[in-house]
């Protein structure tokens, strides 16, 4: 299994083989929580206008989304694990979720223009992702760290790629150094400072939890939708 590393929007265009699209803060830390709380279906929609139009046409849907971190105007929730945790199972059970984000969802959509599937990557599901890839044994794996707004490398996404690469290949990984590289940087500190309500300080605490779930999530194209599927 050959492993290559790519980053940000340009990396999404260059990714090849089976691609793990990593967005720790926060898209793909939200995704496993949707399923944990009983969502029946999760659809990725990279276009914010289309996402809001879907919610308007189908009021029974749940719209979770942001544009450059700010919650979409008609969204039920911003792209926040904290908000999802507080809503809980009663809110999500049996519902369809439309998910729109600036980095992770748009990166997955770009990858799926060429690929059959994209694995959605976070610390929460990292070990399950590694198990899934080791069972499939693809010839080529791209670890795609989407970064801050898909424009700049983010330490948490690069560290998650490091961890998954460690699980796949045995490459050394230092969890203490990894935490140090993430917690004191601006991508985490903007939450921890607590200056913006849509960036709750609890979010990075939740997002940096490793291996919470024994399933990984795979996005595939079904007709004109990008649908997320649990892979145990």
C-alpha atoms as a PDB file:
ATOM      1  CA  UNK A   1       0.000   0.000   0.000  1.00  0.00           C
ATOM      2  CA  UNK A   2       1.551   3.281  -1.108  1.00  0.00           C
ATOM      3  CA  UNK A   3       0.607   6.301   1.018  1.00  0.00           C
ATOM      4  CA  UNK A   4       0.853   9.842  -0.277  1.00  0.00           C
ATOM      5  CA  UNK A   5       0.024  13.105   1.476  1.00  0.00           C
ATOM      6  CA  UNK A   6      -1.878  16.078   0.090  1.00  0.00           C
ATOM      7  CA  UNK A   7      -3.346  19.227   1.628  1.00  0.00           C
ATOM      8  CA  UNK A   8      -6.085  21.827   1.102  1.00  0.00           C
ATOM      9  CA  UNK A   9      -8.197  22.540  -1.982  1.00  0.00           C
ATOM     10  CA  UNK A  10      -5.333  22.027  -4.408  1.00  0.00           C
ATOM     11  CA  UNK A  11      -4.582  18.673  -2.825  1.00  0.00           C
ATOM     12  CA  UNK A  12      -8.207  17.626  -3.315  1.00  0.00           C
ATOM     13  CA  UNK A  13      -7.793  18.204  -7.041  1.00  0.00           C
ATOM     14  CA  UNK A  14      -4.588  16.147  -7.081  1.00  0.00           C
ATOM     15  CA  UNK A  15      -5.688  13.239  -4.847  1.00  0.00           C
ATOM     16  CA  UNK A  16      -5.588   9.760  -6.345  1.00  0.00           C
ATOM     17  CA  UNK A  17      -6.337   6.230  -5.236  1.00  0.00           C
ATOM     18  CA  UNK A  18      -8.558   5.695  -2.212  1.00  0.00           C
ATOM     19  CA  UNK A  19      -8.621   9.113  -0.528  1.00  0.00           C
ATOM     20  CA  UNK A  20      -9.145   9.875   3.152  1.00  0.00           C
ATOM     21  CA  UNK A  21     -10.490  13.431   3.362  1.00  0.00           C
ATOM     22  CA  UNK A  22      -9.500  14.757   6.798  1.00  0.00           C
ATOM     23  CA  UNK A  23     -11.294  17.634   8.520  1.00  0.00           C
ATOM     24  CA  UNK A  24     -10.824  17.487  12.290  1.00  0.00           C
ATOM     25  CA  UNK A  25     -12.123  21.011  13.088  1.00  0.00           C
ATOM     26  CA  UNK A  26     -14.939  20.226  12.475  1.00  0.00           C
ATOM     27  CA  UNK A  27     -16.819  18.595   9.610  1.00  0.00           C
ATOM     28  CA  UNK A  28     -15.780  15.000   9.966  1.00  0.00           C
ATOM     29  CA  UNK A  29     -15.915  15.108  13.736  1.00  0.00           C
ATOM     30  CA  UNK A  30     -19.583  16.063  13.342  1.00  0.00           C
ATOM     31  CA  UNK A  31     -20.354  13.238  10.909  1.00  0.00           C
ATOM     32  CA  UNK A  32     -19.941  10.255  13.274  1.00  0.00           C
ATOM     33  CA  UNK A  33     -22.068  12.053  15.862  1.00  0.00           C
ATOM     34  CA  UNK A  34     -24.972  12.253  13.397  1.00  0.00           C
ATOM     35  CA  UNK A  35     -24.931   8.472  13.162  1.00  0.00           C
ATOM     36  CA  UNK A  36     -24.324   7.971  16.874  1.00  0.00           C
ATOM     37  CA  UNK A  37     -27.510   9.928  17.533  1.00  0.00           C
ATOM     38  CA  UNK A  38     -29.552   7.909  15.055  1.00  0.00           C
ATOM     39  CA  UNK A  39     -29.661   9.913  11.821  1.00  0.00           C
ATOM     40  CA  UNK A  40     -31.175   7.760   9.072  1.00  0.00           C
ATOM     41  CA  UNK A  41     -29.259   9.407   6.230  1.00  0.00           C
ATOM     42  CA  UNK A  42     -26.521  12.010   5.772  1.00  0.00           C
ATOM     43  CA  UNK A  43     -26.099  13.892   2.489  1.00  0.00           C
ATOM     44  CA  UNK A  44     -23.109  16.103   1.684  1.00  0.00           C
ATOM     45  CA  UNK A  45     -23.856  19.287  -0.267  1.00  0.00           C
ATOM     46  CA  UNK A  46     -20.930  21.554  -1.079  1.00  0.00           C
ATOM     47  CA  UNK A  47     -23.036  24.413  -2.491  1.00  0.00           C
ATOM     48  CA  UNK A  48     -24.471  26.545   0.357  1.00  0.00           C
ATOM     49  CA  UNK A  49     -27.332  27.876  -1.763  1.00  0.00           C
ATOM     50  CA  UNK A  50     -28.380  24.368  -2.780  1.00  0.00           C
ATOM     51  CA  UNK A  51     -28.125  23.190   0.826  1.00  0.00           C
ATOM     52  CA  UNK A  52     -30.427  25.994   2.007  1.00  0.00           C
ATOM     53  CA  UNK A  53     -32.817  25.393  -0.902  1.00  0.00           C
ATOM     54  CA  UNK A  54     -33.088  21.706   0.027  1.00  0.00           C
ATOM     55  CA  UNK A  55     -33.956  22.650   3.608  1.00  0.00           C
ATOM     56  CA  UNK A  56     -36.599  25.085   2.370  1.00  0.00           C
ATOM     57  CA  UNK A  57     -38.166  22.524   0.012  1.00  0.00           C
ATOM     58  CA  UNK A  58     -38.104  19.749   2.634  1.00  0.00           C
ATOM     59  CA  UNK A  59     -38.665  21.256   6.105  1.00  0.00           C
ATOM     60  CA  UNK A  60     -38.371  17.825   7.727  1.00  0.00           C
ATOM     61  CA  UNK A  61     -34.660  17.719   6.866  1.00  0.00           C
ATOM     62  CA  UNK A  62     -31.977  18.899   9.284  1.00  0.00           C
ATOM     63  CA  UNK A  63     -29.491  21.358   7.808  1.00  0.00           C
ATOM     64  CA  UNK A  64     -26.095  21.519   9.499  1.00  0.00           C
ATOM     65  CA  UNK A  65     -23.741  23.895   7.785  1.00  0.00           C
ATOM     66  CA  UNK A  66     -21.470  26.882   7.627  1.00  0.00           C
ATOM     67  CA  UNK A  67     -19.765  29.217   5.189  1.00  0.00           C
ATOM     68  CA  UNK A  68     -16.277  30.248   6.335  1.00  0.00           C
ATOM     69  CA  UNK A  69     -17.209  29.019   9.838  1.00  0.00           C
ATOM     70  CA  UNK A  70     -20.343  31.213  10.133  1.00  0.00           C
ATOM     71  CA  UNK A  71     -23.562  29.121  10.353  1.00  0.00           C
ATOM     72  CA  UNK A  72     -25.714  29.216   7.237  1.00  0.00           C
ATOM     73  CA  UNK A  73     -28.625  31.605   7.575  1.00  0.00           C
ATOM     74  CA  UNK A  74     -31.344  28.920   7.562  1.00  0.00           C
ATOM     75  CA  UNK A  75     -29.330  26.100   9.168  1.00  0.00           C
ATOM     76  CA  UNK A  76     -30.725  24.231  12.135  1.00  0.00           C
ATOM     77  CA  UNK A  77     -27.195  23.962  13.543  1.00  0.00           C
ATOM     78  CA  UNK A  78     -23.768  25.280  12.775  1.00  0.00           C
ATOM     79  CA  UNK A  79     -20.941  22.868  12.005  1.00  0.00           C
ATOM     80  CA  UNK A  80     -20.330  22.219  15.703  1.00  0.00           C
ATOM     81  CA  UNK A  81     -19.921  18.920  17.584  1.00  0.00           C
ATOM     82  CA  UNK A  82     -20.910  20.759  20.749  1.00  0.00           C
ATOM     83  CA  UNK A  83     -24.265  21.799  19.289  1.00  0.00           C
ATOM     84  CA  UNK A  84     -24.839  18.268  17.999  1.00  0.00           C
ATOM     85  CA  UNK A  85     -24.031  16.733  21.403  1.00  0.00           C
ATOM     86  CA  UNK A  86     -26.400  19.129  23.155  1.00  0.00           C
ATOM     87  CA  UNK A  87     -29.246  18.306  20.739  1.00  0.00           C
ATOM     88  CA  UNK A  88     -28.705  14.575  21.131  1.00  0.00           C
ATOM     89  CA  UNK A  89     -30.621  11.554  19.927  1.00  0.00           C
ATOM     90  CA  UNK A  90     -34.105  12.999  20.254  1.00  0.00           C
ATOM     91  CA  UNK A  91     -33.261  15.625  17.636  1.00  0.00           C
ATOM     92  CA  UNK A  92     -31.551  13.345  15.087  1.00  0.00           C
ATOM     93  CA  UNK A  93     -33.231   9.946  15.394  1.00  0.00           C
ATOM     94  CA  UNK A  94     -34.639   8.821  12.026  1.00  0.00           C
ATOM     95  CA  UNK A  95     -33.916  12.140  10.290  1.00  0.00           C
ATOM     96  CA  UNK A  96     -31.995  13.032   7.131  1.00  0.00           C
ATOM     97  CA  UNK A  97     -29.132  15.494   7.645  1.00  0.00           C
ATOM     98  CA  UNK A  98     -27.829  17.813   4.914  1.00  0.00           C
ATOM     99  CA  UNK A  99     -24.252  18.771   5.754  1.00  0.00           C
ATOM    100  CA  UNK A 100     -22.388  21.691   4.166  1.00  0.00           C
ATOM    101  CA  UNK A 101     -18.913  22.904   5.121  1.00  0.00           C
ATOM    102  CA  UNK A 102     -16.193  25.051   3.579  1.00  0.00           C
ATOM    103  CA  UNK A 103     -13.311  22.572   3.849  1.00  0.00           C
ATOM    104  CA  UNK A 104     -14.274  18.947   4.499  1.00  0.00           C
ATOM    105  CA  UNK A 105     -17.500  18.644   2.516  1.00  0.00           C
ATOM    106  CA  UNK A 106     -16.180  20.635  -0.433  1.00  0.00           C
ATOM    107  CA  UNK A 107     -13.002  18.542  -0.399  1.00  0.00           C
ATOM    108  CA  UNK A 108     -14.972  15.290  -0.464  1.00  0.00           C
ATOM    109  CA  UNK A 109     -17.127  16.622  -3.320  1.00  0.00           C
ATOM    110  CA  UNK A 110     -13.990  17.470  -5.309  1.00  0.00           C
ATOM    111  CA  UNK A 111     -12.516  14.003  -4.742  1.00  0.00           C
ATOM    112  CA  UNK A 112     -15.793  12.333  -5.747  1.00  0.00           C
ATOM    113  CA  UNK A 113     -15.744  14.062  -9.115  1.00  0.00           C
ATOM    114  CA  UNK A 114     -13.168  11.399 -10.044  1.00  0.00           C
ATOM    115  CA  UNK A 115     -13.313   8.676  -7.403  1.00  0.00           C
ATOM    116  CA  UNK A 116     -15.913   6.074  -6.468  1.00  0.00           C
ATOM    117  CA  UNK A 117     -15.642   6.737  -2.759  1.00  0.00           C
ATOM    118  CA  UNK A 118     -13.965   8.992  -0.239  1.00  0.00           C
ATOM    119  CA  UNK A 119     -13.349   8.071   3.376  1.00  0.00           C
ATOM    120  CA  UNK A 120     -14.199  10.876   5.825  1.00  0.00           C
ATOM    121  CA  UNK A 121     -11.342  11.343   8.270  1.00  0.00           C
ATOM    122  CA  UNK A 122     -11.095  12.525  11.875  1.00  0.00           C
ATOM    123  CA  UNK A 123      -9.404  11.477  15.102  1.00  0.00           C
ATOM    124  CA  UNK A 124     -12.735  10.092  16.323  1.00  0.00           C
ATOM    125  CA  UNK A 125     -12.726   7.377  13.645  1.00  0.00           C
ATOM    126  CA  UNK A 126      -9.000   7.090  12.835  1.00  0.00           C
ATOM    127  CA  UNK A 127      -8.444   3.505  14.013  1.00  0.00           C
ATOM    128  CA  UNK A 128     -11.627   2.327  12.280  1.00  0.00           C
ATOM    129  CA  UNK A 129     -10.418   4.038   9.093  1.00  0.00           C
ATOM    130  CA  UNK A 130      -7.074   2.243   9.312  1.00  0.00           C
ATOM    131  CA  UNK A 131      -8.823  -1.109   9.826  1.00  0.00           C
ATOM    132  CA  UNK A 132     -11.064  -0.444   6.825  1.00  0.00           C
ATOM    133  CA  UNK A 133      -8.099   0.411   4.599  1.00  0.00           C
ATOM    134  CA  UNK A 134      -6.049  -2.567   5.790  1.00  0.00           C
ATOM    135  CA  UNK A 135      -8.947  -4.872   4.894  1.00  0.00           C
ATOM    136  CA  UNK A 136      -9.391  -3.306   1.454  1.00  0.00           C
ATOM    137  CA  UNK A 137      -5.634  -3.125   0.715  1.00  0.00           C
ATOM    138  CA  UNK A 138      -5.828  -0.479  -2.020  1.00  0.00           C
ATOM    139  CA  UNK A 139      -2.638  -0.033  -4.012  1.00  0.00           C
ATOM    140  CA  UNK A 140      -2.636   3.722  -3.367  1.00  0.00           C
ATOM    141  CA  UNK A 141      -4.010   5.795  -0.480  1.00  0.00           C
ATOM    142  CA  UNK A 142      -4.056   9.595  -0.364  1.00  0.00           C
ATOM    143  CA  UNK A 143      -4.277  11.190   3.082  1.00  0.00           C
ATOM    144  CA  UNK A 144      -5.801  14.576   2.266  1.00  0.00           C
ATOM    145  CA  UNK A 145      -5.614  17.118   5.107  1.00  0.00           C
ATOM    146  CA  UNK A 146      -8.143  19.792   4.135  1.00  0.00           C
ATOM    147  CA  UNK A 147      -6.749  22.550   6.353  1.00  0.00           C
ATOM    148  CA  UNK A 148      -8.238  25.850   7.474  1.00  0.00           C
ATOM    149  CA  UNK A 149     -11.010  26.832   5.068  1.00  0.00           C
ATOM    150  CA  UNK A 150      -9.262  24.507   2.561  1.00  0.00           C
ATOM    151  CA  UNK A 151      -6.676  27.257   1.941  1.00  0.00           C
ATOM    152  CA  UNK A 152      -3.990  26.874   4.627  1.00  0.00           C
ATOM    153  CA  UNK A 153      -2.551  23.788   6.285  1.00  0.00           C
ATOM    154  CA  UNK A 154      -4.032  23.144   9.736  1.00  0.00           C
ATOM    155  CA  UNK A 155      -1.976  21.321  12.396  1.00  0.00           C
ATOM    156  CA  UNK A 156      -4.899  19.187  13.572  1.00  0.00           C
ATOM    157  CA  UNK A 157      -5.562  17.814  10.087  1.00  0.00           C
ATOM    158  CA  UNK A 158      -1.871  17.146   9.435  1.00  0.00           C
ATOM    159  CA  UNK A 159      -1.574  15.450  12.854  1.00  0.00           C
ATOM    160  CA  UNK A 160      -4.596  13.263  12.130  1.00  0.00           C
ATOM    161  CA  UNK A 161      -2.988  12.241   8.834  1.00  0.00           C
ATOM    162  CA  UNK A 162       0.197  11.439  10.801  1.00  0.00           C
ATOM    163  CA  UNK A 163      -1.810   9.226  13.166  1.00  0.00           C
ATOM    164  CA  UNK A 164      -3.599   7.350  10.387  1.00  0.00           C
ATOM    165  CA  UNK A 165      -0.300   6.870   8.561  1.00  0.00           C
ATOM    166  CA  UNK A 166       1.163   5.480  11.804  1.00  0.00           C
ATOM    167  CA  UNK A 167      -1.723   3.010  12.112  1.00  0.00           C
ATOM    168  CA  UNK A 168      -1.314   1.918   8.491  1.00  0.00           C
ATOM    169  CA  UNK A 169       2.451   1.684   8.232  1.00  0.00           C
ATOM    170  CA  UNK A 170       3.951   1.835  11.715  1.00  0.00           C
ATOM    171  CA  UNK A 171       5.566   5.201  11.026  1.00  0.00           C
ATOM    172  CA  UNK A 172       6.523   6.774  14.389  1.00  0.00           C
ATOM    173  CA  UNK A 173       3.867   8.980  15.983  1.00  0.00           C
ATOM    174  CA  UNK A 174       4.284  10.983  19.197  1.00  0.00           C
ATOM    175  CA  UNK A 175       0.841  11.754  20.699  1.00  0.00           C
ATOM    176  CA  UNK A 176       2.224  14.292  23.193  1.00  0.00           C
ATOM    177  CA  UNK A 177       4.070  16.262  20.531  1.00  0.00           C
ATOM    178  CA  UNK A 178       0.983  15.969  18.341  1.00  0.00           C
ATOM    179  CA  UNK A 179      -1.208  17.559  21.025  1.00  0.00           C
ATOM    180  CA  UNK A 180       1.350  20.306  21.563  1.00  0.00           C
ATOM    181  CA  UNK A 181       1.358  21.056  17.844  1.00  0.00           C
ATOM    182  CA  UNK A 182      -2.426  21.455  17.833  1.00  0.00           C
ATOM    183  CA  UNK A 183      -3.666  22.940  21.090  1.00  0.00           C
ATOM    184  CA  UNK A 184      -1.481  26.073  21.147  1.00  0.00           C
ATOM    185  CA  UNK A 185      -2.019  27.020  17.513  1.00  0.00           C
ATOM    186  CA  UNK A 186      -4.551  29.524  16.179  1.00  0.00           C
ATOM    187  CA  UNK A 187      -6.900  26.905  14.711  1.00  0.00           C
ATOM    188  CA  UNK A 188      -7.613  25.614  18.242  1.00  0.00           C
ATOM    189  CA  UNK A 189      -7.100  28.869  20.140  1.00  0.00           C
ATOM    190  CA  UNK A 190      -9.836  30.694  18.220  1.00  0.00           C
ATOM    191  CA  UNK A 191     -12.284  28.263  19.880  1.00  0.00           C
ATOM    192  CA  UNK A 192     -10.645  28.252  23.295  1.00  0.00           C
ATOM    193  CA  UNK A 193     -10.635  32.058  23.528  1.00  0.00           C
ATOM    194  CA  UNK A 194     -14.435  31.916  23.427  1.00  0.00           C
ATOM    195  CA  UNK A 195     -14.938  35.132  21.456  1.00  0.00           C
ATOM    196  CA  UNK A 196     -17.498  33.820  18.948  1.00  0.00           C
ATOM    197  CA  UNK A 197     -20.635  31.927  19.852  1.00  0.00           C
ATOM    198  CA  UNK A 198     -20.461  29.753  16.760  1.00  0.00           C
ATOM    199  CA  UNK A 199     -16.961  28.569  17.760  1.00  0.00           C
ATOM    200  CA  UNK A 200     -17.675  26.915  21.135  1.00  0.00           C
ATOM    201  CA  UNK A 201     -14.612  26.264  23.318  1.00  0.00           C
ATOM    202  CA  UNK A 202     -15.763  22.667  23.794  1.00  0.00           C
ATOM    203  CA  UNK A 203     -15.425  21.873  20.078  1.00  0.00           C
ATOM    204  CA  UNK A 204     -11.652  21.176  19.985  1.00  0.00           C
ATOM    205  CA  UNK A 205     -11.935  19.054  23.135  1.00  0.00           C
ATOM    206  CA  UNK A 206     -14.468  16.848  21.371  1.00  0.00           C
ATOM    207  CA  UNK A 207     -12.687  16.861  18.020  1.00  0.00           C
ATOM    208  CA  UNK A 208      -9.350  15.710  19.467  1.00  0.00           C
ATOM    209  CA  UNK A 209     -10.775  12.548  21.049  1.00  0.00           C
ATOM    210  CA  UNK A 210      -9.127   9.564  19.374  1.00  0.00           C
ATOM    211  CA  UNK A 211     -10.888   6.376  18.292  1.00  0.00           C
ATOM    212  CA  UNK A 212     -14.308   6.961  19.837  1.00  0.00           C
ATOM    213  CA  UNK A 213     -16.165   4.934  17.216  1.00  0.00           C
ATOM    214  CA  UNK A 214     -15.746   1.446  15.771  1.00  0.00           C
ATOM    215  CA  UNK A 215     -17.028   2.487  12.354  1.00  0.00           C
ATOM    216  CA  UNK A 216     -15.699   4.710   9.623  1.00  0.00           C
ATOM    217  CA  UNK A 217     -17.679   6.799   7.170  1.00  0.00           C
ATOM    218  CA  UNK A 218     -17.501   6.570   3.407  1.00  0.00           C
ATOM    219  CA  UNK A 219     -19.021   9.092   0.991  1.00  0.00           C
ATOM    220  CA  UNK A 220     -20.297   7.809  -2.349  1.00  0.00           C
ATOM    221  CA  UNK A 221     -22.224   9.307  -5.209  1.00  0.00           C
ATOM    222  CA  UNK A 222     -25.809   8.046  -5.476  1.00  0.00           C
ATOM    223  CA  UNK A 223     -27.538   9.679  -8.425  1.00  0.00           C
ATOM    224  CA  UNK A 224     -27.167  13.415  -7.914  1.00  0.00           C
ATOM    225  CA  UNK A 225     -26.420  13.129  -4.186  1.00  0.00           C
ATOM    226  CA  UNK A 226     -23.273  12.482  -2.168  1.00  0.00           C
ATOM    227  CA  UNK A 227     -24.404  10.048   0.523  1.00  0.00           C
ATOM    228  CA  UNK A 228     -22.470   9.040   3.630  1.00  0.00           C
ATOM    229  CA  UNK A 229     -22.445   5.352   4.581  1.00  0.00           C
ATOM    230  CA  UNK A 230     -21.234   3.637   7.756  1.00  0.00           C
ATOM    231  CA  UNK A 231     -18.554   0.997   7.221  1.00  0.00           C
ATOM    232  CA  UNK A 232     -17.957  -1.148  10.316  1.00  0.00           C
END
